C-alpha atoms as a PDB file:
ATOM      1  CA  MET A   1     148.076 -72.405  42.509  1.00  0.00           C
ATOM      2  CA  SER A   2     146.460 -73.209  39.255  1.00  0.00           C
ATOM      3  CA  ARG A   3     145.552 -70.299  37.015  1.00  0.00           C
ATOM      4  CA  ASP A   4     143.798 -70.496  33.690  1.00  0.00           C
ATOM      5  CA  LEU A   5     144.077 -68.008  30.840  1.00  0.00           C
ATOM      6  CA  THR A   6     140.905 -66.108  31.791  1.00  0.00           C
ATOM      7  CA  ASP A   7     142.798 -64.616  34.755  1.00  0.00           C
ATOM      8  CA  ARG A   8     145.198 -62.970  32.312  1.00  0.00           C
ATOM      9  CA  PRO A   9     143.168 -61.014  29.720  1.00  0.00           C
ATOM     10  CA  VAL A  10     146.174 -59.109  28.386  1.00  0.00           C
ATOM     11  CA  LEU A  11     147.974 -62.372  27.674  1.00  0.00           C
ATOM     12  CA  VAL A  12     144.924 -63.779  25.874  1.00  0.00           C
ATOM     13  CA  LEU A  13     144.427 -60.609  23.836  1.00  0.00           C
ATOM     14  CA  SER A  14     148.101 -60.527  22.914  1.00  0.00           C
ATOM     15  CA  ALA A  15     147.961 -64.149  21.723  1.00  0.00           C
ATOM     16  CA  VAL A  16     144.843 -63.428  19.643  1.00  0.00           C
ATOM     17  CA  ALA A  17     146.502 -60.330  18.149  1.00  0.00           C
ATOM     18  CA  VAL A  18     149.641 -62.279  17.163  1.00  0.00           C
ATOM     19  CA  ALA A  19     147.547 -65.105  15.690  1.00  0.00           C
ATOM     20  CA  GLY A  20     145.444 -62.612  13.748  1.00  0.00           C
ATOM     21  CA  GLU A  21     148.547 -60.880  12.446  1.00  0.00           C
ATOM     22  CA  VAL A  22     150.004 -64.170  11.262  1.00  0.00           C
ATOM     23  CA  LEU A  23     146.685 -65.070   9.616  1.00  0.00           C
ATOM     24  CA  PHE A  24     146.526 -61.689   7.845  1.00  0.00           C
ATOM     25  CA  GLY A  25     150.100 -62.203   6.650  1.00  0.00           C
ATOM     26  CA  LEU A  26     149.380 -65.698   5.293  1.00  0.00           C
ATOM     27  CA  VAL A  27     146.152 -64.726   3.532  1.00  0.00           C
ATOM     28  CA  ALA A  28     146.963 -61.286   2.132  1.00  0.00           C
ATOM     29  CA  GLY A  29     150.742 -61.049   2.228  1.00  0.00           C
ATOM     30  CA  LEU A  30     152.466 -57.738   2.929  1.00  0.00           C
ATOM     31  CA  PRO A  31     149.312 -55.547   2.647  1.00  0.00           C
ATOM     32  CA  GLY A  32     147.588 -57.901   5.109  1.00  0.00           C
ATOM     33  CA  LEU A  33     150.462 -57.487   7.587  1.00  0.00           C
ATOM     34  CA  GLY A  34     150.111 -53.702   7.333  1.00  0.00           C
ATOM     35  CA  LEU A  35     146.366 -53.863   7.866  1.00  0.00           C
ATOM     36  CA  GLY A  36     146.816 -56.202  10.838  1.00  0.00           C
ATOM     37  CA  ALA A  37     149.416 -53.905  12.404  1.00  0.00           C
ATOM     38  CA  ALA A  38     147.088 -50.898  11.978  1.00  0.00           C
ATOM     39  CA  LEU A  39     144.210 -52.786  13.589  1.00  0.00           C
ATOM     40  CA  ILE A  40     146.387 -53.910  16.506  1.00  0.00           C
ATOM     41  CA  CYS A  41     147.663 -50.351  17.058  1.00  0.00           C
ATOM     42  CA  GLY A  42     144.106 -48.963  16.944  1.00  0.00           C
ATOM     43  CA  ALA A  43     142.858 -51.557  19.425  1.00  0.00           C
ATOM     44  CA  ALA A  44     145.835 -50.865  21.691  1.00  0.00           C
ATOM     45  CA  LEU A  45     145.121 -47.112  21.645  1.00  0.00           C
ATOM     46  CA  VAL A  46     141.439 -47.681  22.458  1.00  0.00           C
ATOM     47  CA  ALA A  47     142.367 -50.052  25.294  1.00  0.00           C
ATOM     48  CA  ALA A  48     144.956 -47.620  26.666  1.00  0.00           C
ATOM     49  CA  ARG A  49     142.452 -44.756  26.556  1.00  0.00           C
ATOM     50  CA  TYR A  50     139.834 -46.833  28.365  1.00  0.00           C
ATOM     51  CA  THR A  51     142.354 -47.997  30.937  1.00  0.00           C
ATOM     52  CA  ALA A  52     143.558 -44.440  31.543  1.00  0.00           C
ATOM     53  CA  GLY A  53     140.023 -43.400  32.460  1.00  0.00           C
ATOM     54  CA  ALA A  54     138.602 -41.781  29.351  1.00  0.00           C
ATOM     55  CA  GLY A  55     135.432 -43.807  29.878  1.00  0.00           C
ATOM     56  CA  ALA A  56     134.804 -41.879  33.103  1.00  0.00           C
ATOM     57  CA  GLN A  57     135.307 -38.479  31.502  1.00  0.00           C
ATOM     58  CA  ASP A  58     131.589 -37.726  31.418  1.00  0.00           C
ATOM     59  CA  GLY A  59     130.959 -39.054  34.909  1.00  0.00           C
ATOM     60  CA  GLY A  60     130.307 -35.633  36.441  1.00  0.00           C
ATOM     61  CA  TYR A  61     133.931 -34.890  37.296  1.00  0.00           C
ATOM     62  CA  ARG A  62     134.335 -32.202  34.663  1.00  0.00           C
ATOM     63  CA  ARG A  63     133.270 -28.594  35.120  1.00  0.00           C
ATOM     64  CA  GLY A  64     129.866 -27.663  33.811  1.00  0.00           C
ATOM     65  CA  VAL A  65     129.643 -25.771  30.578  1.00  0.00           C
ATOM     66  CA  ARG A  66     129.245 -22.023  31.037  1.00  0.00           C
ATOM     67  CA  LEU A  67     126.261 -21.124  28.946  1.00  0.00           C
ATOM     68  CA  MET A  68     125.471 -17.558  29.882  1.00  0.00           C
ATOM     69  CA  ALA A  69     128.578 -15.987  31.392  1.00  0.00           C
ATOM     70  CA  GLY A  70     128.357 -17.757  34.711  1.00  0.00           C
ATOM     71  CA  ARG A  71     126.921 -20.597  36.662  1.00  0.00           C
ATOM     72  CA  PRO A  72     123.197 -20.661  37.303  1.00  0.00           C
ATOM     73  CA  PRO A  73     122.354 -19.520  40.807  1.00  0.00           C
ATOM     74  CA  ALA A  74     120.663 -21.980  43.123  1.00  0.00           C
ATOM     75  CA  MET A  75     117.274 -21.152  44.624  1.00  0.00           C
ATOM     76  CA  GLY A  76     118.833 -20.363  48.001  1.00  0.00           C
ATOM     77  CA  GLU A  77     121.049 -17.785  46.331  1.00  0.00           C
ATOM     78  CA  TRP A  78     118.007 -16.089  44.788  1.00  0.00           C
ATOM     79  CA  TYR A  79     116.669 -15.182  48.217  1.00  0.00           C
ATOM     80  CA  TRP A  80     119.898 -13.321  49.001  1.00  0.00           C
ATOM     81  CA  THR A  81     120.153 -11.871  45.504  1.00  0.00           C
ATOM     82  CA  VAL A  82     116.667 -10.356  45.709  1.00  0.00           C
ATOM     83  CA  ARG A  83     117.118  -9.250  49.318  1.00  0.00           C
ATOM     84  CA  ASN A  84     120.450  -7.587  48.559  1.00  0.00           C
ATOM     85  CA  GLY A  85     119.111  -6.221  45.268  1.00  0.00           C
ATOM     86  CA  LEU A  86     116.528  -4.194  47.170  1.00  0.00           C
ATOM     87  CA  ASP A  87     119.203  -2.519  49.270  1.00  0.00           C
ATOM     88  CA  ARG A  88     120.552   0.879  48.319  1.00  0.00           C
ATOM     89  CA  ASP A  89     122.967   0.783  45.347  1.00  0.00           C
ATOM     90  CA  ALA A  90     122.807  -3.036  45.157  1.00  0.00           C
ATOM     91  CA  TYR A  91     120.326  -3.426  42.293  1.00  0.00           C
ATOM     92  CA  ARG A  92     122.955  -2.579  39.709  1.00  0.00           C
ATOM     93  CA  GLN A  93     125.534  -5.112  40.979  1.00  0.00           C
ATOM     94  CA  ALA A  94     123.441  -7.962  42.387  1.00  0.00           C
ATOM     95  CA  LEU A  95     119.948  -8.200  40.982  1.00  0.00           C
ATOM     96  CA  ARG A  96     120.040  -6.508  37.587  1.00  0.00           C
ATOM     97  CA  PRO A  97     122.599  -8.874  35.971  1.00  0.00           C
ATOM     98  CA  GLN A  98     120.609 -11.904  37.096  1.00  0.00           C
ATOM     99  CA  LEU A  99     117.335 -10.449  35.817  1.00  0.00           C
ATOM    100  CA  GLN A 100     118.962  -9.516  32.514  1.00  0.00           C
ATOM    101  CA  ARG A 101     120.273 -13.076  32.246  1.00  0.00           C
ATOM    102  CA  LEU A 102     116.810 -14.537  32.832  1.00  0.00           C
ATOM    103  CA  TYR A 103     115.159 -12.136  30.403  1.00  0.00           C
ATOM    104  CA  ALA A 104     117.839 -12.852  27.771  1.00  0.00           C
ATOM    105  CA  ALA A 105     117.261 -16.586  28.109  1.00  0.00           C
ATOM    106  CA  LYS A 106     113.479 -16.245  27.942  1.00  0.00           C
ATOM    107  CA  LEU A 107     113.574 -13.872  24.954  1.00  0.00           C
ATOM    108  CA  SER A 108     116.031 -16.070  23.115  1.00  0.00           C
ATOM    109  CA  ASP A 109     114.225 -19.303  23.876  1.00  0.00           C
ATOM    110  CA  ARG A 110     110.641 -18.227  23.283  1.00  0.00           C
ATOM    111  CA  HIS A 111     110.874 -15.311  20.837  1.00  0.00           C
ATOM    112  CA  HIS A 112     114.296 -15.747  19.150  1.00  0.00           C
ATOM    113  CA  VAL A 113     115.253 -12.187  20.129  1.00  0.00           C
ATOM    114  CA  SER A 114     118.581 -11.175  21.618  1.00  0.00           C
ATOM    115  CA  LEU A 115     118.432  -8.765  24.539  1.00  0.00           C
ATOM    116  CA  HIS A 116     121.840  -7.307  23.667  1.00  0.00           C
ATOM    117  CA  ARG A 117     121.846  -7.426  19.857  1.00  0.00           C
ATOM    118  CA  ASP A 118     118.270  -6.407  19.169  1.00  0.00           C
ATOM    119  CA  PRO A 119     117.272  -4.059  21.990  1.00  0.00           C
ATOM    120  CA  ALA A 120     114.409  -2.448  20.050  1.00  0.00           C
ATOM    121  CA  ARG A 121     112.544  -5.734  19.602  1.00  0.00           C
ATOM    122  CA  ALA A 122     113.387  -6.760  23.156  1.00  0.00           C
ATOM    123  CA  ALA A 123     111.994  -3.471  24.481  1.00  0.00           C
ATOM    124  CA  ALA A 124     108.767  -3.994  22.551  1.00  0.00           C
ATOM    125  CA  LEU A 125     108.358  -7.477  24.019  1.00  0.00           C
ATOM    126  CA  ILE A 126     109.321  -6.552  27.571  1.00  0.00           C
ATOM    127  CA  GLY A 127     107.189  -3.443  27.785  1.00  0.00           C
ATOM    128  CA  PRO A 128     107.698   0.214  28.728  1.00  0.00           C
ATOM    129  CA  VAL A 129     107.451  -0.296  32.507  1.00  0.00           C
ATOM    130  CA  ALA A 130     110.099  -3.016  32.809  1.00  0.00           C
ATOM    131  CA  TRP A 131     112.445  -2.061  29.958  1.00  0.00           C
ATOM    132  CA  PRO A 132     114.229   0.916  31.617  1.00  0.00           C
ATOM    133  CA  TRP A 133     115.256  -1.373  34.487  1.00  0.00           C
ATOM    134  CA  LEU A 134     116.719  -3.994  32.119  1.00  0.00           C
ATOM    135  CA  ASP A 135     118.093  -1.948  29.220  1.00  0.00           C
ATOM    136  CA  PRO A 136     121.703  -3.164  28.780  1.00  0.00           C
ATOM    137  CA  GLU A 137     122.766   0.047  27.026  1.00  0.00           C
ATOM    138  CA  HIS A 138     121.643   2.462  29.747  1.00  0.00           C
ATOM    139  CA  ALA A 139     121.835   2.703  33.508  1.00  0.00           C
ATOM    140  CA  PRO A 140     118.682   1.888  35.474  1.00  0.00           C
ATOM    141  CA  PRO A 141     116.381   4.793  36.390  1.00  0.00           C
ATOM    142  CA  ALA A 142     117.384   4.592  40.068  1.00  0.00           C
ATOM    143  CA  ASP A 143     119.965   2.838  42.218  1.00  0.00           C
ATOM    144  CA  THR A 144     117.267   1.067  44.216  1.00  0.00           C
ATOM    145  CA  VAL A 145     114.426  -0.813  42.582  1.00  0.00           C
ATOM    146  CA  PRO A 146     111.024  -0.249  44.210  1.00  0.00           C
ATOM    147  CA  PRO A 147     109.294  -3.486  45.325  1.00  0.00           C
ATOM    148  CA  GLN A 148     106.291  -2.854  43.057  1.00  0.00           C
ATOM    149  CA  VAL A 149     108.609  -2.493  40.045  1.00  0.00           C
ATOM    150  CA  LEU A 150     110.404  -5.701  41.015  1.00  0.00           C
ATOM    151  CA  ALA A 151     107.022  -7.453  41.225  1.00  0.00           C
ATOM    152  CA  GLU A 152     106.209  -6.136  37.731  1.00  0.00           C
ATOM    153  CA  LEU A 153     109.576  -7.359  36.430  1.00  0.00           C
ATOM    154  CA  VAL A 154     108.858 -10.854  37.746  1.00  0.00           C
ATOM    155  CA  ARG A 155     105.273 -10.839  36.404  1.00  0.00           C
ATOM    156  CA  ARG A 156     106.491  -9.740  32.979  1.00  0.00           C
ATOM    157  CA  LEU A 157     109.200 -12.413  32.976  1.00  0.00           C
ATOM    158  CA  GLU A 158     106.627 -15.088  33.745  1.00  0.00           C
ATOM    159  CA  SER A 159     104.266 -13.856  31.039  1.00  0.00           C
ATOM    160  CA  LEU A 160     106.873 -13.813  28.253  1.00  0.00           C
END
């Protein structure tokens, strides 16, 4: 079996590194040897990191970044969130946090207003009908949101 040097990249790279180190030593003396050793160590660290899989770190294997205190719900989950949010005592636990999250994102993105830090400006933008249902400092007016109020909340969110 005949093998050439291209089958052994580590051997070729090692030979080039030794030749470069010798060349640095002949041209620049002791400082050149130090510079060559630093370059070889840096290249070895980069190669080891790549070989260990750091190149695949952003390949979708890591967890997503949590932007707003939780993962964004999928559209299928919204059906159940709204359906359960209309049940008795479920608005406060299921639907209200999601609506507050959407309103906070919309207010922040479009109007540069924080729902939690600047509630007076947020209330002025949201309006008097929808604000009592979203006010983070107070409980909602009722435990169950009426469908017409929910429709108004969605309309107001879309119009912001």
